[in-house]
Amino acid sequence: MHANVGDLLIIHGHVVGHGDRKAEIVEVRGPDGTPPYLVRYDDGHEQLVYPGPDSFVEPAERQ
């Protein structure tokens, strides 16, 4: 998995009634865009994440 600052990390929900979670990648701490990632959720919560196989990166729109 590779990401850049500004990309979205999508984490699929595992429980019925809980949808996917989206978080903006604010810092990439691994070499060459690899995890771990510091992400910020919509509610402002920040967390260091090592994404699992239930996650994927959605690239940000590049201008």
PDB file of N, CA and C in Angstrom:
ATOM      1  N   MET A   1       0.850  -1.166   0.000  1.00  0.00           N
ATOM      2  CA  MET A   1       0.000   0.000   0.000  1.00  0.00           C
ATOM      3  C   MET A   1       0.901   1.236   0.000  1.00  0.00           C
ATOM      4  N   HIS A   2       0.548   2.199  -0.860  1.00  0.00           N
ATOM      5  CA  HIS A   2       1.295   3.451  -0.962  1.00  0.00           C
ATOM      6  C   HIS A   2       0.313   4.608  -0.915  1.00  0.00           C
ATOM      7  N   ALA A   3       0.712   5.691  -0.244  1.00  0.00           N
ATOM      8  CA  ALA A   3      -0.165   6.851  -0.119  1.00  0.00           C
ATOM      9  C   ALA A   3       0.664   8.122  -0.077  1.00  0.00           C
ATOM     10  N   ASN A   4      -0.026   9.236  -0.297  1.00  0.00           N
ATOM     11  CA  ASN A   4       0.564  10.566  -0.190  1.00  0.00           C
ATOM     12  C   ASN A   4      -0.285  11.389   0.757  1.00  0.00           C
ATOM     13  N   VAL A   5       0.302  12.439   1.319  1.00  0.00           N
ATOM     14  CA  VAL A   5      -0.468  13.345   2.170  1.00  0.00           C
ATOM     15  C   VAL A   5      -1.623  13.910   1.349  1.00  0.00           C
ATOM     16  N   GLY A   6      -2.812  13.918   1.942  1.00  0.00           N
ATOM     17  CA  GLY A   6      -4.010  14.410   1.260  1.00  0.00           C
ATOM     18  C   GLY A   6      -4.884  13.318   0.700  1.00  0.00           C
ATOM     19  N   ASP A   7      -4.343  12.112   0.520  1.00  0.00           N
ATOM     20  CA  ASP A   7      -5.152  10.977   0.066  1.00  0.00           C
ATOM     21  C   ASP A   7      -6.125  10.575   1.168  1.00  0.00           C
ATOM     22  N   LEU A   8      -7.147   9.811   0.803  1.00  0.00           N
ATOM     23  CA  LEU A   8      -8.101   9.293   1.778  1.00  0.00           C
ATOM     24  C   LEU A   8      -7.822   7.827   2.032  1.00  0.00           C
ATOM     25  N   LEU A   9      -7.901   7.445   3.298  1.00  0.00           N
ATOM     26  CA  LEU A   9      -7.821   6.047   3.678  1.00  0.00           C
ATOM     27  C   LEU A   9      -9.245   5.583   3.970  1.00  0.00           C
ATOM     28  N   ILE A  10      -9.714   4.588   3.241  1.00  0.00           N
ATOM     29  CA  ILE A  10     -11.052   4.040   3.421  1.00  0.00           C
ATOM     30  C   ILE A  10     -10.915   2.707   4.152  1.00  0.00           C
ATOM     31  N   ILE A  11     -11.617   2.584   5.280  1.00  0.00           N
ATOM     32  CA  ILE A  11     -11.573   1.367   6.086  1.00  0.00           C
ATOM     33  C   ILE A  11     -12.977   0.776   6.090  1.00  0.00           C
ATOM     34  N   HIS A  12     -13.140  -0.413   5.544  1.00  0.00           N
ATOM     35  CA  HIS A  12     -14.446  -1.054   5.462  1.00  0.00           C
ATOM     36  C   HIS A  12     -14.934  -1.468   6.845  1.00  0.00           C
ATOM     37  N   GLY A  13     -16.235  -1.252   7.094  1.00  0.00           N
ATOM     38  CA  GLY A  13     -16.839  -1.650   8.357  1.00  0.00           C
ATOM     39  C   GLY A  13     -17.057  -3.155   8.409  1.00  0.00           C
ATOM     40  N   HIS A  14     -16.962  -3.732   9.608  1.00  0.00           N
ATOM     41  CA  HIS A  14     -17.110  -5.177   9.783  1.00  0.00           C
ATOM     42  C   HIS A  14     -18.397  -5.553  10.500  1.00  0.00           C
ATOM     43  N   VAL A  15     -19.128  -4.574  10.986  1.00  0.00           N
ATOM     44  CA  VAL A  15     -20.320  -4.836  11.770  1.00  0.00           C
ATOM     45  C   VAL A  15     -21.527  -4.285  11.015  1.00  0.00           C
ATOM     46  N   VAL A  16     -22.603  -5.049  11.000  1.00  0.00           N
ATOM     47  CA  VAL A  16     -23.824  -4.601  10.338  1.00  0.00           C
ATOM     48  C   VAL A  16     -24.270  -3.282  10.968  1.00  0.00           C
ATOM     49  N   GLY A  17     -24.569  -2.304  10.135  1.00  0.00           N
ATOM     50  CA  GLY A  17     -24.998  -1.006  10.617  1.00  0.00           C
ATOM     51  C   GLY A  17     -23.871  -0.001  10.739  1.00  0.00           C
ATOM     52  N   HIS A  18     -22.634  -0.458  10.683  1.00  0.00           N
ATOM     53  CA  HIS A  18     -21.493   0.444  10.721  1.00  0.00           C
ATOM     54  C   HIS A  18     -20.880   0.481   9.335  1.00  0.00           C
ATOM     55  N   GLY A  19     -20.946   1.640   8.721  1.00  0.00           N
ATOM     56  CA  GLY A  19     -20.421   1.773   7.370  1.00  0.00           C
ATOM     57  C   GLY A  19     -18.919   1.946   7.335  1.00  0.00           C
ATOM     58  N   ASP A  20     -18.426   2.226   6.166  1.00  0.00           N
ATOM     59  CA  ASP A  20     -17.003   2.464   5.988  1.00  0.00           C
ATOM     60  C   ASP A  20     -16.602   3.751   6.701  1.00  0.00           C
ATOM     61  N   ARG A  21     -15.348   3.812   7.115  1.00  0.00           N
ATOM     62  CA  ARG A  21     -14.792   5.026   7.717  1.00  0.00           C
ATOM     63  C   ARG A  21     -13.808   5.625   6.733  1.00  0.00           C
ATOM     64  N   LYS A  22     -13.825   6.954   6.639  1.00  0.00           N
ATOM     65  CA  LYS A  22     -12.902   7.676   5.771  1.00  0.00           C
ATOM     66  C   LYS A  22     -12.047   8.576   6.639  1.00  0.00           C
ATOM     67  N   ALA A  23     -10.767   8.631   6.315  1.00  0.00           N
ATOM     68  CA  ALA A  23      -9.843   9.496   7.036  1.00  0.00           C
ATOM     69  C   ALA A  23      -8.851  10.096   6.053  1.00  0.00           C
ATOM     70  N   GLU A  24      -8.514  11.347   6.264  1.00  0.00           N
ATOM     71  CA  GLU A  24      -7.522  12.007   5.428  1.00  0.00           C
ATOM     72  C   GLU A  24      -6.131  11.694   5.965  1.00  0.00           C
ATOM     73  N   ILE A  25      -5.234  11.339   5.079  1.00  0.00           N
ATOM     74  CA  ILE A  25      -3.854  11.069   5.476  1.00  0.00           C
ATOM     75  C   ILE A  25      -3.147  12.411   5.630  1.00  0.00           C
ATOM     76  N   VAL A  26      -2.685  12.691   6.860  1.00  0.00           N
ATOM     77  CA  VAL A  26      -2.024  13.965   7.131  1.00  0.00           C
ATOM     78  C   VAL A  26      -0.506  13.814   7.247  1.00  0.00           C
ATOM     79  N   GLU A  27      -0.037  12.574   7.417  1.00  0.00           N
ATOM     80  CA  GLU A  27       1.406  12.330   7.472  1.00  0.00           C
ATOM     81  C   GLU A  27       1.688  10.877   7.099  1.00  0.00           C
ATOM     82  N   VAL A  28       2.706  10.690   6.266  1.00  0.00           N
ATOM     83  CA  VAL A  28       3.149   9.351   5.879  1.00  0.00           C
ATOM     84  C   VAL A  28       4.473   9.122   6.603  1.00  0.00           C
ATOM     85  N   ARG A  29       4.520   8.107   7.468  1.00  0.00           N
ATOM     86  CA  ARG A  29       5.717   7.895   8.281  1.00  0.00           C
ATOM     87  C   ARG A  29       6.606   6.761   7.779  1.00  0.00           C
ATOM     88  N   GLY A  30       6.122   5.977   6.842  1.00  0.00           N
ATOM     89  CA  GLY A  30       6.926   4.891   6.282  1.00  0.00           C
ATOM     90  C   GLY A  30       7.711   5.367   5.072  1.00  0.00           C
ATOM     91  N   PRO A  31       8.715   4.596   4.671  1.00  0.00           N
ATOM     92  CA  PRO A  31       9.500   4.971   3.484  1.00  0.00           C
ATOM     93  C   PRO A  31       8.695   4.794   2.192  1.00  0.00           C
ATOM     94  N   ASP A  32       8.866   5.707   1.268  1.00  0.00           N
ATOM     95  CA  ASP A  32       8.248   5.617  -0.066  1.00  0.00           C
ATOM     96  C   ASP A  32       6.732   5.492  -0.027  1.00  0.00           C
ATOM     97  N   GLY A  33       6.068   6.182   0.917  1.00  0.00           N
ATOM     98  CA  GLY A  33       4.610   6.192   0.954  1.00  0.00           C
ATOM     99  C   GLY A  33       3.969   4.998   1.617  1.00  0.00           C
ATOM    100  N   THR A  34       4.741   4.198   2.330  1.00  0.00           N
ATOM    101  CA  THR A  34       4.188   3.015   2.993  1.00  0.00           C
ATOM    102  C   THR A  34       3.747   3.349   4.424  1.00  0.00           C
ATOM    103  N   PRO A  35       2.914   2.497   5.029  1.00  0.00           N
ATOM    104  CA  PRO A  35       2.458   2.741   6.399  1.00  0.00           C
ATOM    105  C   PRO A  35       3.614   2.719   7.385  1.00  0.00           C
ATOM    106  N   PRO A  36       3.406   3.309   8.553  1.00  0.00           N
ATOM    107  CA  PRO A  36       2.144   3.789   9.126  1.00  0.00           C
ATOM    108  C   PRO A  36       1.783   5.179   8.611  1.00  0.00           C
ATOM    109  N   TYR A  37       0.483   5.501   8.762  1.00  0.00           N
ATOM    110  CA  TYR A  37      -0.049   6.800   8.363  1.00  0.00           C
ATOM    111  C   TYR A  37      -0.683   7.474   9.569  1.00  0.00           C
ATOM    112  N   LEU A  38      -0.461   8.776   9.697  1.00  0.00           N
ATOM    113  CA  LEU A  38      -1.209   9.565  10.659  1.00  0.00           C
ATOM    114  C   LEU A  38      -2.419  10.076   9.896  1.00  0.00           C
ATOM    115  N   VAL A  39      -3.619   9.753  10.379  1.00  0.00           N
ATOM    116  CA  VAL A  39      -4.851  10.122   9.670  1.00  0.00           C
ATOM    117  C   VAL A  39      -5.724  10.985  10.558  1.00  0.00           C
ATOM    118  N   ARG A  40      -6.599  11.785   9.915  1.00  0.00           N
ATOM    119  CA  ARG A  40      -7.571  12.619  10.618  1.00  0.00           C
ATOM    120  C   ARG A  40      -8.964  12.270  10.116  1.00  0.00           C
ATOM    121  N   TYR A  41      -9.823  11.859  11.057  1.00  0.00           N
ATOM    122  CA  TYR A  41     -11.205  11.530  10.740  1.00  0.00           C
ATOM    123  C   TYR A  41     -12.048  12.804  10.681  1.00  0.00           C
ATOM    124  N   ASP A  42     -13.267  12.686  10.169  1.00  0.00           N
ATOM    125  CA  ASP A  42     -14.158  13.837  10.011  1.00  0.00           C
ATOM    126  C   ASP A  42     -14.429  14.570  11.325  1.00  0.00           C
ATOM    127  N   ASP A  43     -14.415  13.839  12.440  1.00  0.00           N
ATOM    128  CA  ASP A  43     -14.696  14.463  13.733  1.00  0.00           C
ATOM    129  C   ASP A  43     -13.473  15.156  14.335  1.00  0.00           C
ATOM    130  N   GLY A  44     -12.337  15.158  13.609  1.00  0.00           N
ATOM    131  CA  GLY A  44     -11.128  15.815  14.059  1.00  0.00           C
ATOM    132  C   GLY A  44     -10.159  14.910  14.805  1.00  0.00           C
ATOM    133  N   HIS A  45     -10.583  13.697  15.120  1.00  0.00           N
ATOM    134  CA  HIS A  45      -9.736  12.730  15.821  1.00  0.00           C
ATOM    135  C   HIS A  45      -8.590  12.315  14.919  1.00  0.00           C
ATOM    136  N   GLU A  46      -7.360  12.297  15.469  1.00  0.00           N
ATOM    137  CA  GLU A  46      -6.201  11.835  14.721  1.00  0.00           C
ATOM    138  C   GLU A  46      -5.694  10.536  15.323  1.00  0.00           C
ATOM    139  N   GLN A  47      -5.178   9.658  14.458  1.00  0.00           N
ATOM    140  CA  GLN A  47      -4.742   8.341  14.895  1.00  0.00           C
ATOM    141  C   GLN A  47      -3.633   7.840  13.982  1.00  0.00           C
ATOM    142  N   LEU A  48      -2.667   7.136  14.574  1.00  0.00           N
ATOM    143  CA  LEU A  48      -1.629   6.465  13.795  1.00  0.00           C
ATOM    144  C   LEU A  48      -2.186   5.114  13.379  1.00  0.00           C
ATOM    145  N   VAL A  49      -2.162   4.827  12.071  1.00  0.00           N
ATOM    146  CA  VAL A  49      -2.823   3.643  11.538  1.00  0.00           C
ATOM    147  C   VAL A  49      -1.844   2.799  10.726  1.00  0.00           C
ATOM    148  N   TYR A  50      -1.900   1.505  10.980  1.00  0.00           N
ATOM    149  CA  TYR A  50      -1.247   0.504  10.138  1.00  0.00           C
ATOM    150  C   TYR A  50      -2.390  -0.224   9.421  1.00  0.00           C
ATOM    151  N   PRO A  51      -2.774   0.207   8.206  1.00  0.00           N
ATOM    152  CA  PRO A  51      -3.955  -0.348   7.548  1.00  0.00           C
ATOM    153  C   PRO A  51      -3.838  -1.840   7.268  1.00  0.00           C
ATOM    154  N   GLY A  52      -4.955  -2.526   7.420  1.00  0.00           N
ATOM    155  CA  GLY A  52      -5.025  -3.949   7.144  1.00  0.00           C
ATOM    156  C   GLY A  52      -5.596  -4.216   5.765  1.00  0.00           C
ATOM    157  N   PRO A  53      -5.894  -5.474   5.464  1.00  0.00           N
ATOM    158  CA  PRO A  53      -6.408  -5.841   4.147  1.00  0.00           C
ATOM    159  C   PRO A  53      -7.830  -5.328   3.881  1.00  0.00           C
ATOM    160  N   ASP A  54      -8.495  -4.812   4.918  1.00  0.00           N
ATOM    161  CA  ASP A  54      -9.842  -4.272   4.760  1.00  0.00           C
ATOM    162  C   ASP A  54      -9.820  -2.791   4.416  1.00  0.00           C
ATOM    163  N   SER A  55      -8.651  -2.248   4.076  1.00  0.00           N
ATOM    164  CA  SER A  55      -8.479  -0.833   3.800  1.00  0.00           C
ATOM    165  C   SER A  55      -7.905  -0.606   2.413  1.00  0.00           C
ATOM    166  N   PHE A  56      -8.170   0.583   1.882  1.00  0.00           N
ATOM    167  CA  PHE A  56      -7.526   0.976   0.621  1.00  0.00           C
ATOM    168  C   PHE A  56      -7.362   2.488   0.599  1.00  0.00           C
ATOM    169  N   VAL A  57      -6.458   2.947  -0.250  1.00  0.00           N
ATOM    170  CA  VAL A  57      -6.169   4.378  -0.389  1.00  0.00           C
ATOM    171  C   VAL A  57      -6.870   4.904  -1.631  1.00  0.00           C
ATOM    172  N   GLU A  58      -7.580   6.011  -1.438  1.00  0.00           N
ATOM    173  CA  GLU A  58      -8.226   6.706  -2.558  1.00  0.00           C
ATOM    174  C   GLU A  58      -7.404   7.972  -2.805  1.00  0.00           C
ATOM    175  N   PRO A  59      -6.740   8.059  -3.960  1.00  0.00           N
ATOM    176  CA  PRO A  59      -5.885   9.216  -4.222  1.00  0.00           C
ATOM    177  C   PRO A  59      -6.671  10.512  -4.240  1.00  0.00           C
ATOM    178  N   ALA A  60      -6.038  11.576  -3.738  1.00  0.00           N
ATOM    179  CA  ALA A  60      -6.650  12.898  -3.760  1.00  0.00           C
ATOM    180  C   ALA A  60      -6.645  13.423  -5.189  1.00  0.00           C
ATOM    181  N   GLU A  61      -7.542  14.324  -5.466  1.00  0.00           N
ATOM    182  CA  GLU A  61      -7.577  14.969  -6.770  1.00  0.00           C
ATOM    183  C   GLU A  61      -6.349  15.859  -6.896  1.00  0.00           C
ATOM    184  N   ARG A  62      -5.553  15.636  -7.904  1.00  0.00           N
ATOM    185  CA  ARG A  62      -4.342  16.443  -8.108  1.00  0.00           C
ATOM    186  C   ARG A  62      -4.650  17.538  -9.126  1.00  0.00           C
ATOM    187  N   GLN A  63      -4.249  18.765  -8.814  1.00  0.00           N
ATOM    188  CA  GLN A  63      -4.523  19.898  -9.690  1.00  0.00           C
ATOM    189  C   GLN A  63      -3.394  20.077 -10.667  1.00  0.00           C
TER     190      GLN A  63
END
